[in-house]
N, C-alpha and C. Protein backbone atom coordinates (compact mmCIF):
# COMPACT_ATOMS: atom_id res chain seq x y z
N MET A 1 64.88 79.81 70.30
CA MET A 1 65.84 80.46 69.44
C MET A 1 66.08 81.89 69.89
N LYS A 2 65.01 82.56 70.33
CA LYS A 2 65.16 83.92 70.81
C LYS A 2 65.99 83.95 72.09
N THR A 3 65.88 82.92 72.90
CA THR A 3 66.65 82.86 74.15
C THR A 3 68.14 82.75 73.84
N VAL A 4 68.51 81.92 72.86
CA VAL A 4 69.90 81.77 72.47
C VAL A 4 70.43 83.09 71.93
N ALA A 5 69.65 83.76 71.14
CA ALA A 5 70.06 85.05 70.59
C ALA A 5 70.24 86.07 71.71
N ALA A 6 69.37 86.04 72.70
CA ALA A 6 69.48 86.97 73.82
C ALA A 6 70.75 86.69 74.63
N VAL A 7 71.04 85.42 74.85
CA VAL A 7 72.24 85.05 75.60
C VAL A 7 73.49 85.47 74.83
N VAL A 8 73.52 85.20 73.53
CA VAL A 8 74.67 85.60 72.71
C VAL A 8 74.80 87.12 72.71
N GLY A 9 73.71 87.82 72.61
CA GLY A 9 73.74 89.29 72.65
C GLY A 9 74.25 89.80 73.98
N ALA A 10 73.83 89.17 75.06
CA ALA A 10 74.30 89.58 76.39
C ALA A 10 75.79 89.32 76.53
N LEU A 11 76.26 88.19 76.04
CA LEU A 11 77.68 87.88 76.11
C LEU A 11 78.50 88.87 75.28
N CYS A 12 77.99 89.22 74.11
CA CYS A 12 78.70 90.19 73.27
C CYS A 12 78.77 91.56 73.94
N SER A 13 77.68 91.97 74.56
CA SER A 13 77.69 93.28 75.23
C SER A 13 78.62 93.24 76.44
N PHE A 14 78.68 92.10 77.15
CA PHE A 14 79.61 91.97 78.27
C PHE A 14 81.05 92.04 77.79
N ALA A 15 81.33 91.42 76.65
CA ALA A 15 82.68 91.45 76.09
C ALA A 15 83.05 92.89 75.69
N GLN A 16 82.08 93.62 75.16
CA GLN A 16 82.35 95.00 74.78
C GLN A 16 82.60 95.87 76.01
N VAL A 17 81.87 95.65 77.09
CA VAL A 17 82.08 96.40 78.32
C VAL A 17 83.46 96.09 78.89
N THR A 18 83.84 94.81 78.89
CA THR A 18 85.15 94.41 79.38
C THR A 18 86.24 95.03 78.52
N HIS A 19 86.04 95.00 77.21
CA HIS A 19 87.02 95.58 76.29
C HIS A 19 87.10 97.09 76.49
N ALA A 20 85.98 97.73 76.76
CA ALA A 20 85.96 99.17 76.98
C ALA A 20 86.73 99.51 78.27
N ALA A 21 86.65 98.63 79.26
CA ALA A 21 87.39 98.87 80.50
C ALA A 21 88.89 98.80 80.26
N ASP A 22 89.30 97.97 79.32
CA ASP A 22 90.72 97.89 78.97
C ASP A 22 91.20 99.19 78.34
N LYS A 23 90.33 99.90 77.69
CA LYS A 23 90.70 101.15 77.01
C LYS A 23 90.39 102.36 77.88
N ASN A 24 90.24 102.17 79.16
CA ASN A 24 89.96 103.24 80.10
C ASN A 24 91.13 104.23 80.07
N PRO A 25 90.87 105.50 79.85
CA PRO A 25 91.97 106.48 79.78
C PRO A 25 92.81 106.53 81.06
N LEU A 26 92.15 106.42 82.19
CA LEU A 26 92.89 106.43 83.45
C LEU A 26 93.77 105.19 83.57
N GLY A 27 93.24 104.05 83.13
CA GLY A 27 94.03 102.83 83.13
C GLY A 27 95.23 102.94 82.21
N THR A 28 95.03 103.59 81.08
CA THR A 28 96.13 103.81 80.13
C THR A 28 97.20 104.70 80.75
N VAL A 29 96.77 105.76 81.44
CA VAL A 29 97.72 106.66 82.09
C VAL A 29 98.49 105.92 83.17
N MET A 30 97.79 105.13 83.96
CA MET A 30 98.46 104.36 85.02
C MET A 30 99.47 103.38 84.43
N SER A 31 99.09 102.76 83.33
CA SER A 31 100.00 101.83 82.65
C SER A 31 101.24 102.56 82.14
N LEU A 32 101.04 103.72 81.54
CA LEU A 32 102.17 104.51 81.05
C LEU A 32 103.07 104.97 82.20
N LEU A 33 102.47 105.34 83.33
CA LEU A 33 103.27 105.74 84.48
C LEU A 33 104.08 104.57 85.03
N ASP A 34 103.48 103.38 85.05
CA ASP A 34 104.21 102.20 85.50
C ASP A 34 105.38 101.89 84.58
N GLU A 35 105.16 102.01 83.28
CA GLU A 35 106.24 101.78 82.32
C GLU A 35 107.35 102.82 82.49
N LEU A 36 106.95 104.08 82.70
CA LEU A 36 107.92 105.15 82.90
C LEU A 36 108.73 104.92 84.17
N ARG A 37 108.06 104.50 85.24
CA ARG A 37 108.74 104.21 86.50
C ARG A 37 109.76 103.11 86.31
N ALA A 38 109.38 102.04 85.62
CA ALA A 38 110.30 100.93 85.38
C ALA A 38 111.50 101.40 84.55
N LYS A 39 111.25 102.23 83.57
CA LYS A 39 112.33 102.75 82.72
C LYS A 39 113.29 103.62 83.54
N ILE A 40 112.74 104.47 84.40
CA ILE A 40 113.57 105.35 85.22
C ILE A 40 114.40 104.54 86.22
N VAL A 41 113.80 103.53 86.82
CA VAL A 41 114.54 102.69 87.76
C VAL A 41 115.68 101.97 87.05
N LYS A 42 115.41 101.44 85.87
CA LYS A 42 116.45 100.75 85.11
C LYS A 42 117.58 101.70 84.74
N GLU A 43 117.24 102.89 84.26
CA GLU A 43 118.26 103.87 83.90
C GLU A 43 119.05 104.31 85.13
N GLY A 44 118.38 104.43 86.27
CA GLY A 44 119.05 104.79 87.51
C GLY A 44 120.07 103.75 87.92
N GLU A 45 119.70 102.48 87.79
CA GLU A 45 120.63 101.40 88.12
C GLU A 45 121.85 101.44 87.20
N ILE A 46 121.63 101.72 85.94
CA ILE A 46 122.74 101.82 84.99
C ILE A 46 123.65 102.99 85.36
N GLU A 47 123.04 104.13 85.73
CA GLU A 47 123.83 105.30 86.11
C GLU A 47 124.63 105.06 87.39
N VAL A 48 124.04 104.35 88.35
CA VAL A 48 124.76 104.03 89.58
C VAL A 48 125.98 103.18 89.26
N LYS A 49 125.81 102.20 88.39
CA LYS A 49 126.93 101.34 88.01
C LYS A 49 128.01 102.16 87.30
N ALA A 50 127.61 103.03 86.38
CA ALA A 50 128.58 103.85 85.66
C ALA A 50 129.31 104.80 86.61
N PHE A 51 128.60 105.37 87.57
CA PHE A 51 129.23 106.28 88.53
C PHE A 51 130.22 105.53 89.40
N LYS A 52 129.85 104.32 89.81
CA LYS A 52 130.77 103.52 90.63
C LYS A 52 132.05 103.22 89.86
N GLU A 53 131.92 102.86 88.60
CA GLU A 53 133.10 102.59 87.77
C GLU A 53 133.95 103.87 87.64
N TYR A 54 133.31 105.01 87.43
CA TYR A 54 134.03 106.27 87.30
C TYR A 54 134.73 106.62 88.62
N PHE A 55 134.03 106.44 89.73
CA PHE A 55 134.60 106.72 91.04
C PHE A 55 135.82 105.83 91.30
N ASP A 56 135.71 104.54 90.98
CA ASP A 56 136.84 103.62 91.14
C ASP A 56 138.02 104.05 90.26
N TRP A 57 137.74 104.45 89.02
CA TRP A 57 138.80 104.91 88.13
C TRP A 57 139.49 106.15 88.71
N CYS A 58 138.70 107.10 89.21
CA CYS A 58 139.29 108.31 89.80
C CYS A 58 140.13 107.95 91.02
N ASP A 59 139.63 107.05 91.84
CA ASP A 59 140.37 106.64 93.03
C ASP A 59 141.69 105.97 92.65
N ASP A 60 141.63 105.06 91.67
CA ASP A 60 142.85 104.39 91.21
C ASP A 60 143.85 105.39 90.62
N THR A 61 143.36 106.32 89.83
CA THR A 61 144.22 107.32 89.21
C THR A 61 144.89 108.19 90.28
N ALA A 62 144.14 108.57 91.29
CA ALA A 62 144.69 109.39 92.37
C ALA A 62 145.77 108.60 93.12
N LYS A 63 145.52 107.34 93.40
CA LYS A 63 146.51 106.51 94.12
C LYS A 63 147.76 106.33 93.26
N ASN A 64 147.58 106.11 91.97
CA ASN A 64 148.73 105.96 91.08
C ASN A 64 149.54 107.26 91.01
N GLY A 65 148.84 108.39 91.00
CA GLY A 65 149.51 109.67 90.98
C GLY A 65 150.33 109.91 92.25
N GLU A 66 149.74 109.57 93.38
CA GLU A 66 150.45 109.70 94.66
C GLU A 66 151.69 108.82 94.68
N GLN A 67 151.53 107.60 94.20
CA GLN A 67 152.66 106.67 94.17
C GLN A 67 153.76 107.18 93.23
N SER A 68 153.37 107.73 92.10
CA SER A 68 154.35 108.28 91.16
C SER A 68 155.11 109.45 91.78
N ILE A 69 154.40 110.28 92.52
CA ILE A 69 155.04 111.43 93.18
C ILE A 69 156.03 110.94 94.23
N LYS A 70 155.63 109.95 95.01
CA LYS A 70 156.53 109.40 96.04
C LYS A 70 157.78 108.79 95.39
N THR A 71 157.58 108.03 94.32
CA THR A 71 158.71 107.40 93.64
C THR A 71 159.64 108.45 93.04
N ALA A 72 159.08 109.46 92.40
CA ALA A 72 159.90 110.52 91.79
C ALA A 72 160.64 111.32 92.86
N THR A 73 160.00 111.56 93.99
CA THR A 73 160.65 112.29 95.08
C THR A 73 161.81 111.48 95.64
N ALA A 74 161.62 110.17 95.79
CA ALA A 74 162.68 109.31 96.29
C ALA A 74 163.84 109.26 95.29
N GLN A 75 163.54 109.15 94.02
CA GLN A 75 164.59 109.14 93.01
C GLN A 75 165.35 110.46 92.99
N LYS A 76 164.64 111.56 93.13
CA LYS A 76 165.27 112.87 93.14
C LYS A 76 166.25 112.97 94.31
N ALA A 77 165.82 112.48 95.47
CA ALA A 77 166.68 112.53 96.65
C ALA A 77 167.94 111.69 96.43
N LYS A 78 167.81 110.52 95.82
CA LYS A 78 168.96 109.64 95.55
C LYS A 78 169.92 110.32 94.56
N LEU A 79 169.36 110.92 93.50
CA LEU A 79 170.19 111.52 92.47
C LEU A 79 170.92 112.77 92.99
N GLU A 80 170.28 113.52 93.84
CA GLU A 80 170.90 114.72 94.40
C GLU A 80 171.98 114.37 95.42
N ALA A 81 171.85 113.21 96.07
CA ALA A 81 172.83 112.82 97.09
C ALA A 81 174.16 112.44 96.49
N LYS A 82 174.18 111.99 95.25
CA LYS A 82 175.43 111.55 94.63
C LYS A 82 176.24 112.70 94.25
């Protein structure tokens, strides 16, 4: 009976040591840094996508503006010729 109690006690102390390792402050910091890294990478990907959309919008707007200027210049030339 004492042997069974000793084995159970040893298992309980091993479980406590394992559980204590899970609460290691350095492990917690590393875990938080990993979570922060993942969050930053995700936000970076979102920002890259948003910037690409903004860049495309600016490019389209500039092309439309150039086309409008060309069209207005051509119309002006036609109207002045009459």
